[in-house]
PDB file of all heavy atoms in Angstrom:
ATOM      1  N   ASN A   1      70.604 167.940  24.107  1.00  0.00           N
ATOM      2  CA  ASN A   1      69.257 168.445  24.388  1.00  0.00           C
ATOM      3  C   ASN A   1      68.979 168.454  25.888  1.00  0.00           C
ATOM      4  O   ASN A   1      68.375 169.390  26.414  1.00  0.00           O
ATOM      5  CB  ASN A   1      68.199 167.607  23.665  1.00  0.00           C
ATOM      6  CG  ASN A   1      68.233 167.814  22.167  1.00  0.00           C
ATOM      7  OD1 ASN A   1      68.729 168.815  21.675  1.00  0.00           O
ATOM      8  ND2 ASN A   1      67.718 166.847  21.432  1.00  0.00           N
ATOM      9  N   ASP A   2      69.433 167.397  26.578  1.00  0.00           N
ATOM     10  CA  ASP A   2      69.258 167.334  28.032  1.00  0.00           C
ATOM     11  C   ASP A   2      69.962 168.501  28.714  1.00  0.00           C
ATOM     12  O   ASP A   2      69.400 169.153  29.598  1.00  0.00           O
ATOM     13  CB  ASP A   2      69.808 166.023  28.597  1.00  0.00           C
ATOM     14  CG  ASP A   2      68.939 164.819  28.263  1.00  0.00           C
ATOM     15  OD1 ASP A   2      67.823 165.001  27.736  1.00  0.00           O
ATOM     16  OD2 ASP A   2      69.394 163.681  28.525  1.00  0.00           O
ATOM     17  N   LEU A   3      71.203 168.765  28.309  1.00  0.00           N
ATOM     18  CA  LEU A   3      71.958 169.863  28.926  1.00  0.00           C
ATOM     19  C   LEU A   3      71.295 171.205  28.660  1.00  0.00           C
ATOM     20  O   LEU A   3      71.231 172.064  29.544  1.00  0.00           O
ATOM     21  CB  LEU A   3      73.398 169.867  28.421  1.00  0.00           C
ATOM     22  CG  LEU A   3      74.307 168.802  29.010  1.00  0.00           C
ATOM     23  CD1 LEU A   3      75.653 168.794  28.297  1.00  0.00           C
ATOM     24  CD2 LEU A   3      74.496 169.012  30.504  1.00  0.00           C
ATOM     25  N   THR A   4      70.795 171.405  27.459  1.00  0.00           N
ATOM     26  CA  THR A   4      70.098 172.650  27.124  1.00  0.00           C
ATOM     27  C   THR A   4      68.867 172.815  28.003  1.00  0.00           C
ATOM     28  O   THR A   4      68.619 173.892  28.552  1.00  0.00           O
ATOM     29  CB  THR A   4      69.700 172.655  25.635  1.00  0.00           C
ATOM     30  OG1 THR A   4      70.887 172.541  24.852  1.00  0.00           O
ATOM     31  CG2 THR A   4      68.959 173.921  25.269  1.00  0.00           C
ATOM     32  N   TYR A   5      68.096 171.737  28.159  1.00  0.00           N
ATOM     33  CA  TYR A   5      66.908 171.775  29.009  1.00  0.00           C
ATOM     34  C   TYR A   5      67.289 172.080  30.460  1.00  0.00           C
ATOM     35  O   TYR A   5      66.659 172.908  31.119  1.00  0.00           O
ATOM     36  CB  TYR A   5      66.150 170.446  28.937  1.00  0.00           C
ATOM     37  CG  TYR A   5      65.024 170.378  29.935  1.00  0.00           C
ATOM     38  CD1 TYR A   5      63.817 171.007  29.674  1.00  0.00           C
ATOM     39  CD2 TYR A   5      65.190 169.715  31.143  1.00  0.00           C
ATOM     40  CE1 TYR A   5      62.787 170.974  30.606  1.00  0.00           C
ATOM     41  CE2 TYR A   5      64.165 169.670  32.076  1.00  0.00           C
ATOM     42  CZ  TYR A   5      62.972 170.301  31.808  1.00  0.00           C
ATOM     43  OH  TYR A   5      61.969 170.273  32.737  1.00  0.00           O
ATOM     44  N   MET A   6      68.333 171.428  30.967  1.00  0.00           N
ATOM     45  CA  MET A   6      68.756 171.638  32.349  1.00  0.00           C
ATOM     46  C   MET A   6      69.151 173.094  32.579  1.00  0.00           C
ATOM     47  O   MET A   6      68.802 173.692  33.594  1.00  0.00           O
ATOM     48  CB  MET A   6      69.917 170.709  32.699  1.00  0.00           C
ATOM     49  CG  MET A   6      69.534 169.267  32.829  1.00  0.00           C
ATOM     50  SD  MET A   6      71.013 168.264  33.172  1.00  0.00           S
ATOM     51  CE  MET A   6      70.529 166.698  32.494  1.00  0.00           C
ATOM     52  N   GLU A   7      69.890 173.645  31.643  1.00  0.00           N
ATOM     53  CA  GLU A   7      70.318 175.040  31.774  1.00  0.00           C
ATOM     54  C   GLU A   7      69.117 175.974  31.771  1.00  0.00           C
ATOM     55  O   GLU A   7      69.015 176.881  32.599  1.00  0.00           O
ATOM     56  CB  GLU A   7      71.276 175.400  30.644  1.00  0.00           C
ATOM     57  CG  GLU A   7      71.758 176.832  30.713  1.00  0.00           C
ATOM     58  CD  GLU A   7      72.686 177.192  29.565  1.00  0.00           C
ATOM     59  OE1 GLU A   7      72.676 176.517  28.534  1.00  0.00           O
ATOM     60  OE2 GLU A   7      73.405 178.187  29.718  1.00  0.00           O
ATOM     61  N   LYS A   8      68.186 175.755  30.856  1.00  0.00           N
ATOM     62  CA  LYS A   8      67.002 176.606  30.749  1.00  0.00           C
ATOM     63  C   LYS A   8      66.156 176.514  32.016  1.00  0.00           C
ATOM     64  O   LYS A   8      65.697 177.522  32.542  1.00  0.00           O
ATOM     65  CB  LYS A   8      66.165 176.200  29.534  1.00  0.00           C
ATOM     66  CG  LYS A   8      64.904 177.000  29.376  1.00  0.00           C
ATOM     67  CD  LYS A   8      64.099 176.531  28.192  1.00  0.00           C
ATOM     68  CE  LYS A   8      62.787 177.286  28.139  1.00  0.00           C
ATOM     69  NZ  LYS A   8      61.855 176.700  27.203  1.00  0.00           N
ATOM     70  N   THR A   9      65.952 175.306  32.515  1.00  0.00           N
ATOM     71  CA  THR A   9      65.129 175.108  33.699  1.00  0.00           C
ATOM     72  C   THR A   9      65.758 175.748  34.924  1.00  0.00           C
ATOM     73  O   THR A   9      65.087 176.413  35.708  1.00  0.00           O
ATOM     74  CB  THR A   9      64.905 173.604  33.938  1.00  0.00           C
ATOM     75  OG1 THR A   9      64.273 173.064  32.786  1.00  0.00           O
ATOM     76  CG2 THR A   9      64.023 173.358  35.139  1.00  0.00           C
ATOM     77  N   SER A  10      67.052 175.576  35.098  1.00  0.00           N
ATOM     78  CA  SER A  10      67.747 176.164  36.236  1.00  0.00           C
ATOM     79  C   SER A  10      67.669 177.686  36.196  1.00  0.00           C
ATOM     80  O   SER A  10      67.414 178.334  37.203  1.00  0.00           O
ATOM     81  CB  SER A  10      69.194 175.697  36.266  1.00  0.00           C
ATOM     82  OG  SER A  10      69.857 176.250  37.362  1.00  0.00           O
ATOM     83  N   THR A  11      67.878 178.258  35.018  1.00  0.00           N
ATOM     84  CA  THR A  11      67.795 179.710  34.862  1.00  0.00           C
ATOM     85  C   THR A  11      66.389 180.197  35.161  1.00  0.00           C
ATOM     86  O   THR A  11      66.206 181.193  35.851  1.00  0.00           O
ATOM     87  CB  THR A  11      68.227 180.118  33.435  1.00  0.00           C
ATOM     88  OG1 THR A  11      69.560 179.678  33.229  1.00  0.00           O
ATOM     89  CG2 THR A  11      68.143 181.617  33.245  1.00  0.00           C
ATOM     90  N   THR A  12      65.383 179.489  34.676  1.00  0.00           N
ATOM     91  CA  THR A  12      63.999 179.873  34.921  1.00  0.00           C
ATOM     92  C   THR A  12      63.702 179.881  36.415  1.00  0.00           C
ATOM     93  O   THR A  12      63.104 180.814  36.933  1.00  0.00           O
ATOM     94  CB  THR A  12      63.032 178.909  34.192  1.00  0.00           C
ATOM     95  OG1 THR A  12      63.311 178.962  32.802  1.00  0.00           O
ATOM     96  CG2 THR A  12      61.592 179.277  34.440  1.00  0.00           C
ATOM     97  N   ALA A  13      64.118 178.844  37.122  1.00  0.00           N
ATOM     98  CA  ALA A  13      63.854 178.757  38.554  1.00  0.00           C
ATOM     99  C   ALA A  13      64.550 179.894  39.313  1.00  0.00           C
ATOM    100  O   ALA A  13      63.950 180.517  40.192  1.00  0.00           O
ATOM    101  CB  ALA A  13      64.308 177.404  39.084  1.00  0.00           C
ATOM    102  N   THR A  14      65.792 180.173  38.977  1.00  0.00           N
ATOM    103  CA  THR A  14      66.524 181.262  39.626  1.00  0.00           C
ATOM    104  C   THR A  14      65.846 182.597  39.351  1.00  0.00           C
ATOM    105  O   THR A  14      65.674 183.418  40.263  1.00  0.00           O
ATOM    106  CB  THR A  14      67.987 181.291  39.139  1.00  0.00           C
ATOM    107  OG1 THR A  14      68.579 180.019  39.415  1.00  0.00           O
ATOM    108  CG2 THR A  14      68.781 182.375  39.833  1.00  0.00           C
ATOM    109  N   ASP A  15      65.435 182.820  38.111  1.00  0.00           N
ATOM    110  CA  ASP A  15      64.738 184.054  37.757  1.00  0.00           C
ATOM    111  C   ASP A  15      63.420 184.182  38.524  1.00  0.00           C
ATOM    112  O   ASP A  15      63.052 185.281  38.964  1.00  0.00           O
ATOM    113  CB  ASP A  15      64.463 184.110  36.249  1.00  0.00           C
ATOM    114  CG  ASP A  15      65.728 184.270  35.424  1.00  0.00           C
ATOM    115  OD1 ASP A  15      66.787 184.632  35.991  1.00  0.00           O
ATOM    116  OD2 ASP A  15      65.660 184.019  34.207  1.00  0.00           O
ATOM    117  N   MET A  16      62.711 183.076  38.674  1.00  0.00           N
ATOM    118  CA  MET A  16      61.450 183.087  39.418  1.00  0.00           C
ATOM    119  C   MET A  16      61.685 183.516  40.860  1.00  0.00           C
ATOM    120  O   MET A  16      60.944 184.351  41.396  1.00  0.00           O
ATOM    121  CB  MET A  16      60.804 181.690  39.390  1.00  0.00           C
ATOM    122  CG  MET A  16      60.228 181.305  38.054  1.00  0.00           C
ATOM    123  SD  MET A  16      59.779 179.548  37.957  1.00  0.00           S
ATOM    124  CE  MET A  16      58.494 179.433  39.180  1.00  0.00           C
ATOM    125  N   ILE A  17      62.701 182.951  41.482  1.00  0.00           N
ATOM    126  CA  ILE A  17      62.995 183.297  42.871  1.00  0.00           C
ATOM    127  C   ILE A  17      63.335 184.777  42.994  1.00  0.00           C
ATOM    128  O   ILE A  17      62.840 185.478  43.878  1.00  0.00           O
ATOM    129  CB  ILE A  17      64.132 182.414  43.422  1.00  0.00           C
ATOM    130  CG1 ILE A  17      63.630 180.984  43.598  1.00  0.00           C
ATOM    131  CG2 ILE A  17      64.685 182.972  44.737  1.00  0.00           C
ATOM    132  CD1 ILE A  17      64.708 179.969  43.935  1.00  0.00           C
ATOM    133  N   HIS A  18      64.151 185.276  42.093  1.00  0.00           N
ATOM    134  CA  HIS A  18      64.560 186.684  42.173  1.00  0.00           C
ATOM    135  C   HIS A  18      63.434 187.647  41.818  1.00  0.00           C
ATOM    136  O   HIS A  18      63.533 188.834  42.125  1.00  0.00           O
ATOM    137  CB  HIS A  18      65.804 186.922  41.312  1.00  0.00           C
ATOM    138  CG  HIS A  18      67.038 186.352  41.930  1.00  0.00           C
ATOM    139  ND1 HIS A  18      67.618 186.861  43.069  1.00  0.00           N
ATOM    140  CD2 HIS A  18      67.786 185.278  41.596  1.00  0.00           C
ATOM    141  CE1 HIS A  18      68.670 186.147  43.402  1.00  0.00           C
ATOM    142  NE2 HIS A  18      68.793 185.167  42.527  1.00  0.00           N
ATOM    143  N   ALA A  19      62.358 187.153  41.233  1.00  0.00           N
ATOM    144  CA  ALA A  19      61.210 188.000  40.895  1.00  0.00           C
ATOM    145  C   ALA A  19      60.262 188.197  42.078  1.00  0.00           C
ATOM    146  O   ALA A  19      59.392 189.076  42.035  1.00  0.00           O
ATOM    147  CB  ALA A  19      60.439 187.390  39.722  1.00  0.00           C
ATOM    148  N   ILE A  20      60.409 187.411  43.129  1.00  0.00           N
ATOM    149  CA  ILE A  20      59.531 187.553  44.293  1.00  0.00           C
ATOM    150  C   ILE A  20      59.699 188.963  44.849  1.00  0.00           C
ATOM    151  O   ILE A  20      60.812 189.384  45.166  1.00  0.00           O
ATOM    152  CB  ILE A  20      59.862 186.485  45.368  1.00  0.00           C
ATOM    153  CG1 ILE A  20      59.591 185.074  44.812  1.00  0.00           C
ATOM    154  CG2 ILE A  20      59.070 186.742  46.646  1.00  0.00           C
ATOM    155  CD1 ILE A  20      60.085 183.949  45.703  1.00  0.00           C
ATOM    156  N   PRO A  21      58.596 189.713  44.968  1.00  0.00           N
ATOM    157  CA  PRO A  21      58.713 191.131  45.318  1.00  0.00           C
ATOM    158  C   PRO A  21      59.082 191.422  46.773  1.00  0.00           C
ATOM    159  O   PRO A  21      59.765 192.410  47.040  1.00  0.00           O
ATOM    160  CB  PRO A  21      57.330 191.696  44.991  1.00  0.00           C
ATOM    161  CG  PRO A  21      56.411 190.536  45.002  1.00  0.00           C
ATOM    162  CD  PRO A  21      57.228 189.347  44.630  1.00  0.00           C
ATOM    163  N   GLU A  22      58.672 190.594  47.702  1.00  0.00           N
ATOM    164  CA  GLU A  22      58.972 190.861  49.116  1.00  0.00           C
ATOM    165  C   GLU A  22      60.346 190.311  49.466  1.00  0.00           C
ATOM    166  O   GLU A  22      60.601 189.116  49.317  1.00  0.00           O
ATOM    167  CB  GLU A  22      57.912 190.236  50.019  1.00  0.00           C
ATOM    168  CG  GLU A  22      56.585 190.951  49.950  1.00  0.00           C
ATOM    169  CD  GLU A  22      55.624 190.456  51.008  1.00  0.00           C
ATOM    170  OE1 GLU A  22      56.033 190.333  52.191  1.00  0.00           O
ATOM    171  OE2 GLU A  22      54.472 190.176  50.644  1.00  0.00           O
ATOM    172  N   GLU A  23      61.217 191.174  49.932  1.00  0.00           N
ATOM    173  CA  GLU A  23      62.608 190.791  50.205  1.00  0.00           C
ATOM    174  C   GLU A  23      62.732 189.658  51.218  1.00  0.00           C
ATOM    175  O   GLU A  23      63.512 188.732  51.011  1.00  0.00           O
ATOM    176  CB  GLU A  23      63.418 192.003  50.672  1.00  0.00           C
ATOM    177  CG  GLU A  23      63.704 193.010  49.569  1.00  0.00           C
ATOM    178  CD  GLU A  23      64.495 192.427  48.405  1.00  0.00           C
ATOM    179  OE1 GLU A  23      65.503 191.728  48.639  1.00  0.00           O
ATOM    180  OE2 GLU A  23      64.086 192.662  47.256  1.00  0.00           O
ATOM    181  N   ASN A  24      61.968 189.701  52.313  1.00  0.00           N
ATOM    182  CA  ASN A  24      62.105 188.651  53.328  1.00  0.00           C
ATOM    183  C   ASN A  24      61.650 187.299  52.773  1.00  0.00           C
ATOM    184  O   ASN A  24      62.252 186.267  53.083  1.00  0.00           O
ATOM    185  CB  ASN A  24      61.376 189.010  54.622  1.00  0.00           C
ATOM    186  CG  ASN A  24      59.902 189.315  54.423  1.00  0.00           C
ATOM    187  OD1 ASN A  24      59.426 189.508  53.306  1.00  0.00           O
ATOM    188  ND2 ASN A  24      59.180 189.384  55.519  1.00  0.00           N
ATOM    189  N   VAL A  25      60.638 187.296  51.924  1.00  0.00           N
ATOM    190  CA  VAL A  25      60.170 186.054  51.297  1.00  0.00           C
ATOM    191  C   VAL A  25      61.226 185.562  50.304  1.00  0.00           C
ATOM    192  O   VAL A  25      61.565 184.380  50.267  1.00  0.00           O
ATOM    193  CB  VAL A  25      58.807 186.272  50.600  1.00  0.00           C
ATOM    194  CG1 VAL A  25      58.375 185.032  49.843  1.00  0.00           C
ATOM    195  CG2 VAL A  25      57.741 186.678  51.617  1.00  0.00           C
ATOM    196  N   LYS A  26      61.763 186.483  49.523  1.00  0.00           N
ATOM    197  CA  LYS A  26      62.806 186.139  48.549  1.00  0.00           C
ATOM    198  C   LYS A  26      64.020 185.525  49.246  1.00  0.00           C
ATOM    199  O   LYS A  26      64.577 184.538  48.778  1.00  0.00           O
ATOM    200  CB  LYS A  26      63.234 187.381  47.772  1.00  0.00           C
ATOM    201  CG  LYS A  26      64.230 187.105  46.665  1.00  0.00           C
ATOM    202  CD  LYS A  26      64.773 188.356  46.012  1.00  0.00           C
ATOM    203  CE  LYS A  26      63.694 189.292  45.600  1.00  0.00           C
ATOM    204  NZ  LYS A  26      64.175 190.478  44.877  1.00  0.00           N
ATOM    205  N   HIS A  27      64.407 186.086  50.381  1.00  0.00           N
ATOM    206  CA  HIS A  27      65.568 185.567  51.116  1.00  0.00           C
ATOM    207  C   HIS A  27      65.326 184.145  51.612  1.00  0.00           C
ATOM    208  O   HIS A  27      66.242 183.319  51.611  1.00  0.00           O
ATOM    209  CB  HIS A  27      65.940 186.491  52.271  1.00  0.00           C
ATOM    210  CG  HIS A  27      66.525 187.796  51.826  1.00  0.00           C
ATOM    211  ND1 HIS A  27      67.633 187.885  51.027  1.00  0.00           N
ATOM    212  CD2 HIS A  27      66.129 189.075  52.056  1.00  0.00           C
ATOM    213  CE1 HIS A  27      67.911 189.157  50.778  1.00  0.00           C
ATOM    214  NE2 HIS A  27      67.010 189.902  51.389  1.00  0.00           N
ATOM    215  N   VAL A  28      64.096 183.840  52.017  1.00  0.00           N
ATOM    216  CA  VAL A  28      63.760 182.474  52.428  1.00  0.00           C
ATOM    217  C   VAL A  28      63.946 181.525  51.242  1.00  0.00           C
ATOM    218  O   VAL A  28      64.534 180.451  51.374  1.00  0.00           O
ATOM    219  CB  VAL A  28      62.316 182.394  52.982  1.00  0.00           C
ATOM    220  CG1 VAL A  28      61.857 180.943  53.116  1.00  0.00           C
ATOM    221  CG2 VAL A  28      62.220 183.115  54.323  1.00  0.00           C
ATOM    222  N   PHE A  29      63.491 181.928  50.056  1.00  0.00           N
ATOM    223  CA  PHE A  29      63.611 181.076  48.871  1.00  0.00           C
ATOM    224  C   PHE A  29      65.067 180.920  48.434  1.00  0.00           C
ATOM    225  O   PHE A  29      65.483 179.829  48.038  1.00  0.00           O
ATOM    226  CB  PHE A  29      62.761 181.634  47.721  1.00  0.00           C
ATOM    227  CG  PHE A  29      61.341 181.163  47.775  1.00  0.00           C
ATOM    228  CD1 PHE A  29      60.463 181.677  48.712  1.00  0.00           C
ATOM    229  CD2 PHE A  29      60.884 180.195  46.897  1.00  0.00           C
ATOM    230  CE1 PHE A  29      59.162 181.226  48.785  1.00  0.00           C
ATOM    231  CE2 PHE A  29      59.592 179.734  46.955  1.00  0.00           C
ATOM    232  CZ  PHE A  29      58.715 180.247  47.904  1.00  0.00           C
ATOM    233  N   ILE A  30      65.831 181.979  48.516  1.00  0.00           N
ATOM    234  CA  ILE A  30      67.257 181.896  48.168  1.00  0.00           C
ATOM    235  C   ILE A  30      67.966 180.931  49.120  1.00  0.00           C
ATOM    236  O   ILE A  30      68.724 180.059  48.689  1.00  0.00           O
ATOM    237  CB  ILE A  30      67.912 183.292  48.188  1.00  0.00           C
ATOM    238  CG1 ILE A  30      67.386 184.125  47.006  1.00  0.00           C
ATOM    239  CG2 ILE A  30      69.438 183.199  48.162  1.00  0.00           C
ATOM    240  CD1 ILE A  30      67.760 185.598  47.055  1.00  0.00           C
ATOM    241  N   ALA A  31      67.682 181.074  50.405  1.00  0.00           N
ATOM    242  CA  ALA A  31      68.310 180.189  51.395  1.00  0.00           C
ATOM    243  C   ALA A  31      67.881 178.741  51.192  1.00  0.00           C
ATOM    244  O   ALA A  31      68.702 177.822  51.261  1.00  0.00           O
ATOM    245  CB  ALA A  31      67.952 180.656  52.805  1.00  0.00           C
ATOM    246  N   ARG A  32      66.598 178.531  50.918  1.00  0.00           N
ATOM    247  CA  ARG A  32      66.068 177.166  50.813  1.00  0.00           C
ATOM    248  C   ARG A  32      66.500 176.471  49.521  1.00  0.00           C
ATOM    249  O   ARG A  32      66.934 175.327  49.542  1.00  0.00           O
ATOM    250  CB  ARG A  32      64.531 177.217  50.884  1.00  0.00           C
ATOM    251  CG  ARG A  32      63.862 175.879  50.828  1.00  0.00           C
ATOM    252  CD  ARG A  32      64.068 175.128  52.102  1.00  0.00           C
ATOM    253  NE  ARG A  32      63.308 173.879  52.073  1.00  0.00           N
ATOM    254  CZ  ARG A  32      63.430 172.932  52.945  1.00  0.00           C
ATOM    255  NH1 ARG A  32      64.261 173.080  53.958  1.00  0.00           N
ATOM    256  NH2 ARG A  32      62.742 171.836  52.859  1.00  0.00           N
ATOM    257  N   TYR A  33      66.376 177.164  48.391  1.00  0.00           N
ATOM    258  CA  TYR A  33      66.579 176.500  47.106  1.00  0.00           C
ATOM    259  C   TYR A  33      67.961 176.723  46.488  1.00  0.00           C
ATOM    260  O   TYR A  33      68.481 175.838  45.838  1.00  0.00           O
ATOM    261  CB  TYR A  33      65.484 176.919  46.119  1.00  0.00           C
ATOM    262  CG  TYR A  33      64.124 176.477  46.590  1.00  0.00           C
ATOM    263  CD1 TYR A  33      63.227 177.374  47.123  1.00  0.00           C
ATOM    264  CD2 TYR A  33      63.762 175.134  46.532  1.00  0.00           C
ATOM    265  CE1 TYR A  33      61.985 176.955  47.578  1.00  0.00           C
ATOM    266  CE2 TYR A  33      62.529 174.706  46.995  1.00  0.00           C
ATOM    267  CZ  TYR A  33      61.640 175.623  47.511  1.00  0.00           C
ATOM    268  OH  TYR A  33      60.429 175.197  47.972  1.00  0.00           O
ATOM    269  N   LEU A  34      68.542 177.878  46.687  1.00  0.00           N
ATOM    270  CA  LEU A  34      69.860 178.126  46.103  1.00  0.00           C
ATOM    271  C   LEU A  34      70.984 177.693  47.046  1.00  0.00           C
ATOM    272  O   LEU A  34      71.985 177.137  46.605  1.00  0.00           O
ATOM    273  CB  LEU A  34      70.018 179.600  45.725  1.00  0.00           C
ATOM    274  CG  LEU A  34      69.005 180.128  44.699  1.00  0.00           C
ATOM    275  CD1 LEU A  34      69.274 181.593  44.398  1.00  0.00           C
ATOM    276  CD2 LEU A  34      69.010 179.312  43.427  1.00  0.00           C
ATOM    277  N   HIS A  35      70.799 177.945  48.347  1.00  0.00           N
ATOM    278  CA  HIS A  35      71.834 177.566  49.315  1.00  0.00           C
ATOM    279  C   HIS A  35      71.535 176.237  50.004  1.00  0.00           C
ATOM    280  O   HIS A  35      72.360 175.743  50.766  1.00  0.00           O
ATOM    281  CB  HIS A  35      72.022 178.674  50.351  1.00  0.00           C
ATOM    282  CG  HIS A  35      72.487 179.960  49.745  1.00  0.00           C
ATOM    283  ND1 HIS A  35      73.712 180.107  49.146  1.00  0.00           N
ATOM    284  CD2 HIS A  35      71.860 181.160  49.616  1.00  0.00           C
ATOM    285  CE1 HIS A  35      73.834 181.343  48.684  1.00  0.00           C
ATOM    286  NE2 HIS A  35      72.723 182.000  48.949  1.00  0.00           N
TER     287      HIS A  35
END
């Protein structure tokens, strides 16, 4: 159950970042949270 939750949460966060409409803002979030 923990692993399922972790996978779902990680996917949700990544999807949220990629949904940001402004490219320069999205790039800041990708750099900060993914990299």
